[in-house]
Amino acid sequence: MSAAPRLVLRAPLRAVAFSHTSAAAVARNGSLYTWGAAPLLAEPSGGGGGAVRRQPMVAAEASRRYNFSMVACGVTHCVAAARCR
């Protein structure tokens, strides 16, 4: 039996959303984090099309351009609300 993935973020969070295969979080500073199964990840996982990221990773390019406020995940998508920085 494998251990369940845990959310390990040091940043205070504004919003968190989960789907069956992926998750996303928005930090209070407006950064967007994603983890879970591709292709719903905001940044490439580097492990190929079926890769699963078990730890949150900041969506660096998007977080430089936008200040995120909300996030939602569905079965086949994730969507986030943001303003330009």
C-alpha atoms as a PDB file:
ATOM      1  CA  MET A   1       0.000   0.000   0.000  1.00  0.00           C
ATOM      2  CA  SER A   2       1.427   3.383  -0.982  1.00  0.00           C
ATOM      3  CA  ALA A   3       1.139   6.530   1.097  1.00  0.00           C
ATOM      4  CA  ALA A   4      -1.405   9.116   0.011  1.00  0.00           C
ATOM      5  CA  PRO A   5       0.001  12.338  -1.494  1.00  0.00           C
ATOM      6  CA  ARG A   6       0.150  15.251   0.956  1.00  0.00           C
ATOM      7  CA  LEU A   7      -0.095  18.975   0.352  1.00  0.00           C
ATOM      8  CA  VAL A   8       3.235  20.437   1.487  1.00  0.00           C
ATOM      9  CA  LEU A   9       3.297  24.173   0.854  1.00  0.00           C
ATOM     10  CA  ARG A  10       4.948  26.700   3.117  1.00  0.00           C
ATOM     11  CA  ALA A  11       2.969  29.615   1.649  1.00  0.00           C
ATOM     12  CA  PRO A  12      -0.353  30.725   3.192  1.00  0.00           C
ATOM     13  CA  LEU A  13      -3.129  29.721   0.783  1.00  0.00           C
ATOM     14  CA  ARG A  14      -5.992  31.705  -0.699  1.00  0.00           C
ATOM     15  CA  ALA A  15      -7.691  28.822  -2.575  1.00  0.00           C
ATOM     16  CA  VAL A  16      -7.306  25.073  -3.213  1.00  0.00           C
ATOM     17  CA  ALA A  17      -9.130  22.859  -5.744  1.00  0.00           C
ATOM     18  CA  PHE A  18      -9.049  19.127  -6.457  1.00  0.00           C
ATOM     19  CA  SER A  19     -10.199  16.832  -9.249  1.00  0.00           C
ATOM     20  CA  HIS A  20      -9.903  13.069  -9.608  1.00  0.00           C
ATOM     21  CA  THR A  21      -6.407  13.313 -11.085  1.00  0.00           C
ATOM     22  CA  SER A  22      -4.969  16.760 -10.351  1.00  0.00           C
ATOM     23  CA  ALA A  23      -5.045  19.691  -7.956  1.00  0.00           C
ATOM     24  CA  ALA A  24      -4.223  23.383  -7.865  1.00  0.00           C
ATOM     25  CA  ALA A  25      -3.685  26.001  -5.175  1.00  0.00           C
ATOM     26  CA  VAL A  26      -3.392  29.787  -5.091  1.00  0.00           C
ATOM     27  CA  ALA A  27      -1.057  31.305  -2.501  1.00  0.00           C
ATOM     28  CA  ARG A  28      -1.898  34.599  -0.798  1.00  0.00           C
ATOM     29  CA  ASN A  29       0.844  36.254  -2.848  1.00  0.00           C
ATOM     30  CA  GLY A  30      -1.089  35.313  -6.024  1.00  0.00           C
ATOM     31  CA  SER A  31       1.154  32.450  -7.201  1.00  0.00           C
ATOM     32  CA  LEU A  32      -0.464  29.374  -8.777  1.00  0.00           C
ATOM     33  CA  TYR A  33       0.677  25.847  -7.841  1.00  0.00           C
ATOM     34  CA  THR A  34      -0.325  22.592  -9.570  1.00  0.00           C
ATOM     35  CA  TRP A  35       0.250  18.885  -8.965  1.00  0.00           C
ATOM     36  CA  GLY A  36      -1.192  15.542  -9.979  1.00  0.00           C
ATOM     37  CA  ALA A  37      -1.469  13.946 -13.415  1.00  0.00           C
ATOM     38  CA  ALA A  38      -0.607  15.545 -16.748  1.00  0.00           C
ATOM     39  CA  PRO A  39      -1.943  17.130 -18.950  1.00  0.00           C
ATOM     40  CA  LEU A  40      -3.606  19.469 -16.405  1.00  0.00           C
ATOM     41  CA  LEU A  41      -0.300  20.695 -14.984  1.00  0.00           C
ATOM     42  CA  ALA A  42       0.624  24.324 -15.493  1.00  0.00           C
ATOM     43  CA  GLU A  43       4.303  23.494 -16.033  1.00  0.00           C
ATOM     44  CA  PRO A  44       5.831  20.474 -17.801  1.00  0.00           C
ATOM     45  CA  SER A  45       6.620  17.655 -15.376  1.00  0.00           C
ATOM     46  CA  GLY A  46       9.557  16.374 -17.405  1.00  0.00           C
ATOM     47  CA  GLY A  47       8.415  12.794 -17.039  1.00  0.00           C
ATOM     48  CA  GLY A  48       6.490  12.320 -20.268  1.00  0.00           C
ATOM     49  CA  GLY A  49       2.780  12.316 -21.045  1.00  0.00           C
ATOM     50  CA  GLY A  50       1.729  10.012 -18.213  1.00  0.00           C
ATOM     51  CA  ALA A  51       3.820  11.660 -15.493  1.00  0.00           C
ATOM     52  CA  VAL A  52       2.336  12.354 -12.077  1.00  0.00           C
ATOM     53  CA  ARG A  53       3.731  15.160  -9.931  1.00  0.00           C
ATOM     54  CA  ARG A  54       3.190  14.329  -6.262  1.00  0.00           C
ATOM     55  CA  GLN A  55       4.348  17.672  -4.860  1.00  0.00           C
ATOM     56  CA  PRO A  56       3.012  21.149  -5.675  1.00  0.00           C
ATOM     57  CA  MET A  57       5.093  23.147  -8.150  1.00  0.00           C
ATOM     58  CA  VAL A  58       4.685  26.831  -8.865  1.00  0.00           C
ATOM     59  CA  ALA A  59       3.474  27.713 -12.358  1.00  0.00           C
ATOM     60  CA  ALA A  60       6.426  30.069 -12.708  1.00  0.00           C
ATOM     61  CA  GLU A  61       5.703  31.822 -16.018  1.00  0.00           C
ATOM     62  CA  ALA A  62       2.002  32.317 -15.295  1.00  0.00           C
ATOM     63  CA  SER A  63       2.706  33.495 -11.735  1.00  0.00           C
ATOM     64  CA  ARG A  64       5.164  36.132 -13.013  1.00  0.00           C
ATOM     65  CA  ARG A  65       2.509  37.572 -15.339  1.00  0.00           C
ATOM     66  CA  TYR A  66      -0.666  37.191 -13.290  1.00  0.00           C
ATOM     67  CA  ASN A  67      -1.921  37.623  -9.738  1.00  0.00           C
ATOM     68  CA  PHE A  68      -4.234  34.621  -9.221  1.00  0.00           C
ATOM     69  CA  SER A  69      -7.213  34.817  -6.883  1.00  0.00           C
ATOM     70  CA  MET A  70      -9.323  31.664  -7.428  1.00  0.00           C
ATOM     71  CA  VAL A  71      -8.954  28.193  -8.924  1.00  0.00           C
ATOM     72  CA  ALA A  72     -11.313  25.319  -9.761  1.00  0.00           C
ATOM     73  CA  CYS A  73     -10.649  21.821 -11.115  1.00  0.00           C
ATOM     74  CA  GLY A  74     -12.972  19.527 -13.029  1.00  0.00           C
ATOM     75  CA  VAL A  75     -12.561  16.060 -14.472  1.00  0.00           C
ATOM     76  CA  THR A  76     -10.773  17.283 -17.621  1.00  0.00           C
ATOM     77  CA  HIS A  77      -9.756  20.862 -16.796  1.00  0.00           C
ATOM     78  CA  CYS A  78      -8.536  23.405 -14.266  1.00  0.00           C
ATOM     79  CA  VAL A  79      -9.388  27.097 -14.507  1.00  0.00           C
ATOM     80  CA  ALA A  80      -8.049  30.058 -12.522  1.00  0.00           C
ATOM     81  CA  ALA A  81      -9.116  33.685 -12.188  1.00  0.00           C
ATOM     82  CA  ALA A  82      -6.339  36.280 -12.311  1.00  0.00           C
ATOM     83  CA  ARG A  83      -5.383  39.893 -12.960  1.00  0.00           C
ATOM     84  CA  CYS A  84      -2.312  41.100 -14.814  1.00  0.00           C
ATOM     85  CA  ARG A  85       0.552  42.062 -12.490  1.00  0.00           C
END
